[in-house]
Amino acid sequence: MLFYIVIGFVILQRLVELVIAKRNEKKSLAAGGIEYDKKGYSVIVIMHVMFFISLIAEYFFLKHTLNEFWVIFLVLFILAQCLRYWAITSLGSMWNTRIIIVPGSKLVKYGPYKYFKHPNYMAVITELAVIPLMFSCFITAEIFSSLNLFLLKRRIEIEEKALEELY
């Protein structure tokens, strides 16, 4: 039952975030925002969709159960959610799932951005590891944690370069 609750929550959360991101994307582009790495964004979306497919398939086909340390993983997941929403609310209408930089806007240096450069990515890294681990889906945890780190390394490099150009 916990599997359905967690997976349902995260999928619903992602759908709501996409609606918010689309609204913020329109605002940023209307304000003269410049989008970077459109093709890379598609790869990240595909990776996240495949993460859920892999997680659900591994859980059901390999008949996994809750990990004995599931409470620790759940706490880490909740902490990641707190960090994620602190980052999102700190960026406000500048938050997006794409890399869109609005020339002339101020670089956010408060909230979690006062302490970390990419707090939302830290939350995503945590989620992609702890959600599968909570349900003993070690294959999904390993594959998608590795793939995510590879994609985020590239994305952060592009984002940092874009920010350097404008700030």
N, C-alpha and C. Protein backbone atom coordinates (compact mmCIF):
# COMPACT_ATOMS: atom_id res chain seq x y z
N MET A 1 0.82 -1.20 0.00
CA MET A 1 0.00 0.00 0.00
C MET A 1 0.87 1.27 0.00
N LEU A 2 1.98 1.25 0.76
CA LEU A 2 2.87 2.41 0.80
C LEU A 2 3.45 2.69 -0.58
N PHE A 3 3.72 1.63 -1.35
CA PHE A 3 4.24 1.80 -2.70
C PHE A 3 3.29 2.65 -3.53
N TYR A 4 2.01 2.31 -3.51
CA TYR A 4 1.02 3.05 -4.29
C TYR A 4 0.91 4.51 -3.82
N ILE A 5 0.99 4.72 -2.54
CA ILE A 5 0.89 6.08 -1.99
C ILE A 5 2.08 6.92 -2.44
N VAL A 6 3.28 6.39 -2.26
CA VAL A 6 4.49 7.14 -2.61
C VAL A 6 4.56 7.39 -4.10
N ILE A 7 4.36 6.35 -4.91
CA ILE A 7 4.45 6.51 -6.36
C ILE A 7 3.35 7.43 -6.87
N GLY A 8 2.15 7.25 -6.37
CA GLY A 8 1.04 8.13 -6.76
C GLY A 8 1.32 9.57 -6.39
N PHE A 9 1.85 9.79 -5.19
CA PHE A 9 2.19 11.14 -4.74
C PHE A 9 3.23 11.77 -5.65
N VAL A 10 4.29 11.04 -5.94
CA VAL A 10 5.39 11.60 -6.74
C VAL A 10 4.94 11.87 -8.18
N ILE A 11 4.16 10.97 -8.76
CA ILE A 11 3.67 11.20 -10.12
C ILE A 11 2.74 12.42 -10.14
N LEU A 12 1.84 12.52 -9.20
CA LEU A 12 0.95 13.69 -9.12
C LEU A 12 1.76 14.97 -8.91
N GLN A 13 2.74 14.89 -8.04
CA GLN A 13 3.62 16.02 -7.77
C GLN A 13 4.31 16.48 -9.06
N ARG A 14 4.84 15.55 -9.83
CA ARG A 14 5.53 15.89 -11.07
C ARG A 14 4.58 16.54 -12.07
N LEU A 15 3.36 16.03 -12.16
CA LEU A 15 2.39 16.62 -13.08
C LEU A 15 2.03 18.06 -12.69
N VAL A 16 1.83 18.29 -11.40
CA VAL A 16 1.55 19.65 -10.93
C VAL A 16 2.74 20.55 -11.19
N GLU A 17 3.95 20.05 -10.94
CA GLU A 17 5.16 20.84 -11.19
C GLU A 17 5.30 21.19 -12.66
N LEU A 18 4.90 20.28 -13.56
CA LEU A 18 4.98 20.58 -14.99
C LEU A 18 4.02 21.71 -15.37
N VAL A 19 2.85 21.74 -14.75
CA VAL A 19 1.90 22.83 -14.99
C VAL A 19 2.49 24.16 -14.52
N ILE A 20 3.06 24.15 -13.32
CA ILE A 20 3.69 25.36 -12.77
C ILE A 20 4.87 25.79 -13.66
N ALA A 21 5.68 24.82 -14.06
CA ALA A 21 6.84 25.12 -14.89
C ALA A 21 6.42 25.71 -16.24
N LYS A 22 5.35 25.18 -16.82
CA LYS A 22 4.87 25.70 -18.11
C LYS A 22 4.40 27.15 -17.95
N ARG A 23 3.70 27.43 -16.87
CA ARG A 23 3.26 28.81 -16.59
C ARG A 23 4.47 29.73 -16.42
N ASN A 24 5.46 29.29 -15.66
CA ASN A 24 6.66 30.09 -15.45
C ASN A 24 7.48 30.22 -16.73
N GLU A 25 7.49 29.18 -17.54
CA GLU A 25 8.20 29.23 -18.83
C GLU A 25 7.61 30.34 -19.70
N LYS A 26 6.29 30.39 -19.79
CA LYS A 26 5.63 31.43 -20.60
C LYS A 26 5.98 32.83 -20.09
N LYS A 27 5.97 33.00 -18.77
CA LYS A 27 6.32 34.31 -18.19
C LYS A 27 7.76 34.68 -18.50
N SER A 28 8.67 33.73 -18.33
CA SER A 28 10.08 34.00 -18.57
C SER A 28 10.36 34.32 -20.04
N LEU A 29 9.76 33.56 -20.94
CA LEU A 29 9.98 33.81 -22.37
C LEU A 29 9.36 35.14 -22.78
N ALA A 30 8.20 35.48 -22.22
CA ALA A 30 7.56 36.77 -22.51
C ALA A 30 8.41 37.93 -22.01
N ALA A 31 9.19 37.69 -20.97
CA ALA A 31 10.07 38.73 -20.41
C ALA A 31 11.42 38.77 -21.11
N GLY A 32 11.55 38.02 -22.20
CA GLY A 32 12.81 38.02 -22.96
C GLY A 32 13.77 36.91 -22.56
N GLY A 33 13.26 35.92 -21.83
CA GLY A 33 14.11 34.81 -21.39
C GLY A 33 14.70 34.04 -22.55
N ILE A 34 15.89 33.52 -22.31
CA ILE A 34 16.60 32.73 -23.31
C ILE A 34 16.67 31.29 -22.79
N GLU A 35 16.22 30.36 -23.64
CA GLU A 35 16.26 28.94 -23.25
C GLU A 35 17.55 28.30 -23.76
N TYR A 36 18.15 27.52 -22.91
CA TYR A 36 19.37 26.78 -23.22
C TYR A 36 19.08 25.29 -23.18
N ASP A 37 19.70 24.54 -24.06
CA ASP A 37 19.70 23.08 -24.03
C ASP A 37 18.31 22.45 -24.17
N LYS A 38 17.58 22.84 -25.21
CA LYS A 38 16.25 22.27 -25.46
C LYS A 38 16.32 20.75 -25.66
N LYS A 39 17.31 20.30 -26.43
CA LYS A 39 17.43 18.87 -26.71
C LYS A 39 17.75 18.08 -25.44
N GLY A 40 18.61 18.64 -24.61
CA GLY A 40 18.96 17.97 -23.35
C GLY A 40 17.78 17.82 -22.42
N TYR A 41 16.88 18.79 -22.47
CA TYR A 41 15.68 18.73 -21.63
C TYR A 41 14.84 17.51 -21.99
N SER A 42 14.70 17.23 -23.27
CA SER A 42 13.93 16.07 -23.72
C SER A 42 14.51 14.77 -23.16
N VAL A 43 15.81 14.68 -23.14
CA VAL A 43 16.48 13.48 -22.61
C VAL A 43 16.17 13.33 -21.12
N ILE A 44 16.18 14.43 -20.38
CA ILE A 44 15.89 14.38 -18.95
C ILE A 44 14.44 13.94 -18.71
N VAL A 45 13.51 14.44 -19.51
CA VAL A 45 12.10 14.05 -19.39
C VAL A 45 11.96 12.55 -19.65
N ILE A 46 12.59 12.07 -20.71
CA ILE A 46 12.53 10.63 -21.02
C ILE A 46 13.11 9.81 -19.88
N MET A 47 14.23 10.27 -19.32
CA MET A 47 14.86 9.55 -18.21
C MET A 47 13.90 9.46 -17.02
N HIS A 48 13.21 10.55 -16.69
CA HIS A 48 12.29 10.53 -15.55
C HIS A 48 11.10 9.61 -15.81
N VAL A 49 10.57 9.61 -17.01
CA VAL A 49 9.47 8.70 -17.35
C VAL A 49 9.94 7.25 -17.25
N MET A 50 11.12 6.98 -17.78
CA MET A 50 11.67 5.62 -17.72
C MET A 50 11.96 5.19 -16.27
N PHE A 51 12.32 6.15 -15.42
CA PHE A 51 12.53 5.86 -14.00
C PHE A 51 11.27 5.25 -13.40
N PHE A 52 10.13 5.89 -13.64
CA PHE A 52 8.87 5.38 -13.07
C PHE A 52 8.50 4.03 -13.66
N ILE A 53 8.68 3.86 -14.95
CA ILE A 53 8.39 2.58 -15.59
C ILE A 53 9.28 1.48 -15.00
N SER A 54 10.56 1.77 -14.88
CA SER A 54 11.50 0.80 -14.32
C SER A 54 11.16 0.46 -12.87
N LEU A 55 10.87 1.48 -12.08
CA LEU A 55 10.55 1.28 -10.67
C LEU A 55 9.31 0.39 -10.50
N ILE A 56 8.27 0.72 -11.23
CA ILE A 56 7.02 -0.05 -11.14
C ILE A 56 7.25 -1.48 -11.64
N ALA A 57 7.95 -1.62 -12.75
CA ALA A 57 8.21 -2.96 -13.30
C ALA A 57 9.07 -3.79 -12.35
N GLU A 58 10.12 -3.18 -11.83
CA GLU A 58 10.99 -3.94 -10.93
C GLU A 58 10.23 -4.35 -9.67
N TYR A 59 9.45 -3.47 -9.12
CA TYR A 59 8.70 -3.76 -7.89
C TYR A 59 7.74 -4.93 -8.11
N PHE A 60 7.00 -4.89 -9.21
CA PHE A 60 5.99 -5.93 -9.43
C PHE A 60 6.55 -7.22 -10.02
N PHE A 61 7.41 -7.11 -11.02
CA PHE A 61 7.90 -8.32 -11.68
C PHE A 61 8.90 -9.09 -10.82
N LEU A 62 9.70 -8.37 -10.05
CA LEU A 62 10.67 -9.05 -9.19
C LEU A 62 10.13 -9.24 -7.77
N LYS A 63 8.87 -8.85 -7.59
CA LYS A 63 8.15 -9.05 -6.33
C LYS A 63 8.91 -8.51 -5.12
N HIS A 64 9.36 -7.28 -5.24
CA HIS A 64 10.07 -6.64 -4.14
C HIS A 64 9.11 -6.23 -3.02
N THR A 65 9.68 -6.03 -1.87
CA THR A 65 8.90 -5.59 -0.71
C THR A 65 9.61 -4.38 -0.09
N LEU A 66 9.01 -3.86 0.95
CA LEU A 66 9.63 -2.74 1.66
C LEU A 66 11.00 -3.15 2.18
N ASN A 67 11.94 -2.26 2.03
CA ASN A 67 13.27 -2.46 2.57
C ASN A 67 13.17 -2.37 4.10
N GLU A 68 14.00 -3.12 4.80
CA GLU A 68 13.95 -3.08 6.26
C GLU A 68 14.30 -1.69 6.80
N PHE A 69 14.97 -0.87 6.01
CA PHE A 69 15.34 0.49 6.42
C PHE A 69 14.42 1.54 5.78
N TRP A 70 13.23 1.13 5.38
CA TRP A 70 12.33 2.00 4.64
C TRP A 70 12.03 3.30 5.37
N VAL A 71 11.98 3.28 6.68
CA VAL A 71 11.66 4.51 7.44
C VAL A 71 12.77 5.55 7.22
N ILE A 72 14.01 5.11 7.22
CA ILE A 72 15.13 6.03 6.98
C ILE A 72 15.01 6.63 5.57
N PHE A 73 14.71 5.78 4.59
CA PHE A 73 14.56 6.27 3.22
C PHE A 73 13.37 7.21 3.09
N LEU A 74 12.29 6.92 3.80
CA LEU A 74 11.12 7.80 3.78
C LEU A 74 11.46 9.16 4.38
N VAL A 75 12.19 9.17 5.47
CA VAL A 75 12.61 10.44 6.09
C VAL A 75 13.49 11.23 5.12
N LEU A 76 14.42 10.56 4.46
CA LEU A 76 15.28 11.23 3.46
C LEU A 76 14.44 11.78 2.31
N PHE A 77 13.44 11.04 1.90
CA PHE A 77 12.53 11.49 0.85
C PHE A 77 11.78 12.75 1.29
N ILE A 78 11.27 12.75 2.50
CA ILE A 78 10.54 13.91 3.02
C ILE A 78 11.46 15.12 3.13
N LEU A 79 12.68 14.91 3.58
CA LEU A 79 13.66 16.01 3.65
C LEU A 79 13.97 16.55 2.26
N ALA A 80 14.06 15.66 1.28
CA ALA A 80 14.30 16.10 -0.10
C ALA A 80 13.13 16.94 -0.61
N GLN A 81 11.90 16.56 -0.20
CA GLN A 81 10.73 17.35 -0.60
C GLN A 81 10.77 18.75 0.01
N CYS A 82 11.19 18.82 1.26
CA CYS A 82 11.32 20.13 1.92
C CYS A 82 12.33 20.99 1.19
N LEU A 83 13.46 20.41 0.83
CA LEU A 83 14.49 21.15 0.09
C LEU A 83 13.96 21.56 -1.28
N ARG A 84 13.29 20.66 -1.96
CA ARG A 84 12.74 20.94 -3.28
C ARG A 84 11.79 22.14 -3.23
N TYR A 85 10.86 22.14 -2.29
CA TYR A 85 9.87 23.23 -2.26
C TYR A 85 10.43 24.51 -1.69
N TRP A 86 11.46 24.42 -0.90
CA TRP A 86 12.17 25.62 -0.45
C TRP A 86 12.84 26.27 -1.67
N ALA A 87 13.46 25.44 -2.51
CA ALA A 87 14.11 25.94 -3.73
C ALA A 87 13.08 26.53 -4.69
N ILE A 88 11.99 25.82 -4.90
CA ILE A 88 10.95 26.28 -5.84
C ILE A 88 10.34 27.60 -5.36
N THR A 89 10.00 27.68 -4.09
CA THR A 89 9.39 28.92 -3.59
C THR A 89 10.39 30.07 -3.56
N SER A 90 11.66 29.77 -3.35
CA SER A 90 12.68 30.82 -3.37
C SER A 90 12.84 31.41 -4.76
N LEU A 91 12.73 30.58 -5.79
CA LEU A 91 12.84 31.07 -7.16
C LEU A 91 11.54 31.70 -7.65
N GLY A 92 10.42 31.31 -7.05
CA GLY A 92 9.13 31.88 -7.45
C GLY A 92 8.87 31.64 -8.93
N SER A 93 8.47 32.70 -9.65
CA SER A 93 8.12 32.54 -11.06
C SER A 93 9.35 32.30 -11.94
N MET A 94 10.54 32.38 -11.37
CA MET A 94 11.76 32.08 -12.13
C MET A 94 12.06 30.57 -12.13
N TRP A 95 11.36 29.80 -11.26
CA TRP A 95 11.60 28.35 -11.21
C TRP A 95 11.04 27.71 -12.48
N ASN A 96 11.80 26.77 -12.99
CA ASN A 96 11.38 26.09 -14.20
C ASN A 96 12.09 24.75 -14.29
N THR A 97 11.50 23.84 -15.07
CA THR A 97 12.17 22.57 -15.31
C THR A 97 13.13 22.67 -16.48
N ARG A 98 13.07 23.78 -17.19
CA ARG A 98 13.98 24.04 -18.31
C ARG A 98 15.04 25.04 -17.84
N ILE A 99 16.06 25.23 -18.66
CA ILE A 99 17.05 26.26 -18.36
C ILE A 99 16.64 27.50 -19.15
N ILE A 100 15.99 28.43 -18.47
CA ILE A 100 15.57 29.68 -19.09
C ILE A 100 16.10 30.81 -18.21
N ILE A 101 16.92 31.65 -18.82
CA ILE A 101 17.52 32.76 -18.10
C ILE A 101 16.94 34.05 -18.67
N VAL A 102 16.42 34.91 -17.79
CA VAL A 102 15.87 36.20 -18.20
C VAL A 102 16.96 37.26 -18.00
N PRO A 103 17.43 37.84 -19.11
CA PRO A 103 18.46 38.89 -18.98
C PRO A 103 17.95 40.04 -18.10
N GLY A 104 18.83 40.52 -17.23
CA GLY A 104 18.47 41.62 -16.35
C GLY A 104 17.86 41.19 -15.03
N SER A 105 17.49 39.91 -14.94
CA SER A 105 16.94 39.45 -13.66
C SER A 105 18.08 39.26 -12.67
N LYS A 106 17.73 39.29 -11.40
CA LYS A 106 18.75 39.13 -10.36
C LYS A 106 18.95 37.65 -10.05
N LEU A 107 20.19 37.29 -9.84
CA LEU A 107 20.52 35.93 -9.44
C LEU A 107 20.04 35.71 -8.01
N VAL A 108 19.29 34.65 -7.77
CA VAL A 108 18.74 34.37 -6.45
C VAL A 108 19.86 33.90 -5.52
N LYS A 109 19.99 34.57 -4.40
CA LYS A 109 21.05 34.25 -3.41
C LYS A 109 20.46 34.08 -2.02
N TYR A 110 19.17 33.78 -1.93
CA TYR A 110 18.53 33.57 -0.63
C TYR A 110 17.85 32.20 -0.62
N GLY A 111 17.21 31.87 0.51
CA GLY A 111 16.64 30.53 0.64
C GLY A 111 17.78 29.52 0.62
N PRO A 112 17.55 28.36 0.03
CA PRO A 112 18.62 27.35 -0.02
C PRO A 112 19.77 27.78 -0.93
N TYR A 113 19.50 28.75 -1.82
CA TYR A 113 20.54 29.23 -2.73
C TYR A 113 21.61 30.04 -2.00
N LYS A 114 21.32 30.39 -0.78
CA LYS A 114 22.31 31.06 0.07
C LYS A 114 23.40 30.06 0.47
N TYR A 115 23.03 28.77 0.51
CA TYR A 115 23.94 27.72 0.99
C TYR A 115 24.43 26.78 -0.11
N PHE A 116 23.61 26.58 -1.14
CA PHE A 116 23.92 25.63 -2.21
C PHE A 116 23.63 26.27 -3.56
N LYS A 117 24.40 25.88 -4.57
CA LYS A 117 24.15 26.41 -5.91
C LYS A 117 22.94 25.77 -6.58
N HIS A 118 22.73 24.49 -6.37
CA HIS A 118 21.68 23.76 -7.07
C HIS A 118 20.87 22.88 -6.11
N PRO A 119 20.13 23.49 -5.19
CA PRO A 119 19.41 22.68 -4.20
C PRO A 119 18.33 21.78 -4.80
N ASN A 120 17.68 22.22 -5.86
CA ASN A 120 16.65 21.38 -6.46
C ASN A 120 17.26 20.11 -7.03
N TYR A 121 18.45 20.23 -7.62
CA TYR A 121 19.12 19.04 -8.15
C TYR A 121 19.53 18.10 -7.01
N MET A 122 19.89 18.66 -5.88
CA MET A 122 20.23 17.83 -4.71
C MET A 122 19.00 17.01 -4.29
N ALA A 123 17.83 17.65 -4.34
CA ALA A 123 16.59 16.95 -3.98
C ALA A 123 16.30 15.83 -4.98
N VAL A 124 16.49 16.10 -6.27
CA VAL A 124 16.23 15.09 -7.30
C VAL A 124 17.19 13.91 -7.16
N ILE A 125 18.46 14.21 -6.90
CA ILE A 125 19.44 13.13 -6.69
C ILE A 125 19.01 12.24 -5.54
N THR A 126 18.58 12.86 -4.46
CA THR A 126 18.13 12.10 -3.28
C THR A 126 16.91 11.26 -3.62
N GLU A 127 15.92 11.86 -4.27
CA GLU A 127 14.69 11.15 -4.62
C GLU A 127 14.94 9.93 -5.50
N LEU A 128 15.75 10.11 -6.55
CA LEU A 128 15.97 9.00 -7.48
C LEU A 128 16.75 7.86 -6.84
N ALA A 129 17.39 8.12 -5.73
CA ALA A 129 18.05 7.05 -4.99
C ALA A 129 17.12 6.43 -3.95
N VAL A 130 16.50 7.27 -3.12
CA VAL A 130 15.78 6.72 -1.96
C VAL A 130 14.42 6.13 -2.28
N ILE A 131 13.74 6.63 -3.31
CA ILE A 131 12.43 6.03 -3.63
C ILE A 131 12.59 4.56 -3.99
N PRO A 132 13.47 4.21 -4.94
CA PRO A 132 13.62 2.77 -5.23
C PRO A 132 14.19 1.98 -4.04
N LEU A 133 15.12 2.58 -3.31
CA LEU A 133 15.70 1.86 -2.17
C LEU A 133 14.66 1.55 -1.11
N MET A 134 13.69 2.44 -0.95
CA MET A 134 12.62 2.23 0.03
C MET A 134 11.88 0.92 -0.25
N PHE A 135 11.80 0.54 -1.53
CA PHE A 135 11.06 -0.66 -1.92
C PHE A 135 11.97 -1.77 -2.45
N SER A 136 13.25 -1.72 -2.08
CA SER A 136 14.24 -2.74 -2.46
C SER A 136 14.43 -2.89 -3.95
N CYS A 137 14.21 -1.82 -4.70
CA CYS A 137 14.40 -1.84 -6.15
C CYS A 137 15.80 -1.34 -6.47
N PHE A 138 16.77 -2.20 -6.19
CA PHE A 138 18.17 -1.82 -6.28
C PHE A 138 18.64 -1.59 -7.73
N ILE A 139 18.07 -2.32 -8.67
CA ILE A 139 18.46 -2.15 -10.07
C ILE A 139 18.07 -0.74 -10.54
N THR A 140 16.83 -0.35 -10.27
CA THR A 140 16.36 0.98 -10.66
C THR A 140 17.17 2.05 -9.95
N ALA A 141 17.45 1.87 -8.68
CA ALA A 141 18.23 2.86 -7.92
C ALA A 141 19.60 3.05 -8.55
N GLU A 142 20.26 1.95 -8.89
CA GLU A 142 21.61 2.04 -9.44
C GLU A 142 21.62 2.65 -10.84
N ILE A 143 20.78 2.15 -11.71
CA ILE A 143 20.77 2.62 -13.10
C ILE A 143 20.39 4.10 -13.18
N PHE A 144 19.29 4.47 -12.52
CA PHE A 144 18.80 5.83 -12.69
C PHE A 144 19.54 6.85 -11.84
N SER A 145 20.12 6.43 -10.75
CA SER A 145 20.98 7.35 -10.00
C SER A 145 22.22 7.68 -10.83
N SER A 146 22.79 6.67 -11.45
CA SER A 146 23.98 6.89 -12.29
C SER A 146 23.64 7.74 -13.51
N LEU A 147 22.57 7.40 -14.19
CA LEU A 147 22.15 8.14 -15.38
C LEU A 147 21.82 9.60 -15.01
N ASN A 148 21.13 9.78 -13.91
CA ASN A 148 20.77 11.13 -13.45
C ASN A 148 22.01 11.96 -13.16
N LEU A 149 22.99 11.37 -12.49
CA LEU A 149 24.22 12.12 -12.19
C LEU A 149 24.93 12.53 -13.48
N PHE A 150 24.96 11.65 -14.45
CA PHE A 150 25.58 11.96 -15.74
C PHE A 150 24.85 13.12 -16.42
N LEU A 151 23.51 13.05 -16.47
CA LEU A 151 22.72 14.10 -17.11
C LEU A 151 22.79 15.42 -16.34
N LEU A 152 22.76 15.35 -15.02
CA LEU A 152 22.83 16.58 -14.22
C LEU A 152 24.19 17.25 -14.32
N LYS A 153 25.24 16.46 -14.43
CA LYS A 153 26.58 17.06 -14.59
C LYS A 153 26.59 17.92 -15.84
N ARG A 154 26.10 17.38 -16.93
CA ARG A 154 26.03 18.11 -18.20
C ARG A 154 25.12 19.33 -18.05
N ARG A 155 23.96 19.14 -17.46
CA ARG A 155 22.98 20.23 -17.32
C ARG A 155 23.54 21.37 -16.46
N ILE A 156 24.18 21.03 -15.37
CA ILE A 156 24.75 22.05 -14.48
C ILE A 156 25.84 22.84 -15.20
N GLU A 157 26.66 22.14 -16.00
CA GLU A 157 27.70 22.84 -16.76
C GLU A 157 27.07 23.85 -17.72
N ILE A 158 26.01 23.46 -18.40
CA ILE A 158 25.32 24.35 -19.34
C ILE A 158 24.67 25.51 -18.58
N GLU A 159 24.01 25.19 -17.48
CA GLU A 159 23.35 26.23 -16.68
C GLU A 159 24.36 27.23 -16.12
N GLU A 160 25.48 26.73 -15.60
CA GLU A 160 26.51 27.62 -15.06
C GLU A 160 27.07 28.53 -16.14
N LYS A 161 27.30 27.98 -17.32
CA LYS A 161 27.82 28.79 -18.42
C LYS A 161 26.81 29.87 -18.81
N ALA A 162 25.54 29.50 -18.88
CA ALA A 162 24.49 30.47 -19.23
C ALA A 162 24.41 31.58 -18.17
N LEU A 163 24.49 31.20 -16.91
CA LEU A 163 24.44 32.20 -15.83
C LEU A 163 25.65 33.13 -15.88
N GLU A 164 26.82 32.57 -16.18
CA GLU A 164 28.04 33.38 -16.29
C GLU A 164 27.91 34.41 -17.41
N GLU A 165 27.30 34.02 -18.51
CA GLU A 165 27.13 34.95 -19.64
C GLU A 165 26.24 36.13 -19.27
N LEU A 166 25.25 35.89 -18.42
CA LEU A 166 24.27 36.94 -18.12
C LEU A 166 24.49 37.66 -16.81
N TYR A 167 25.35 37.11 -15.93
CA TYR A 167 25.53 37.77 -14.63
C TYR A 167 26.98 38.15 -14.44
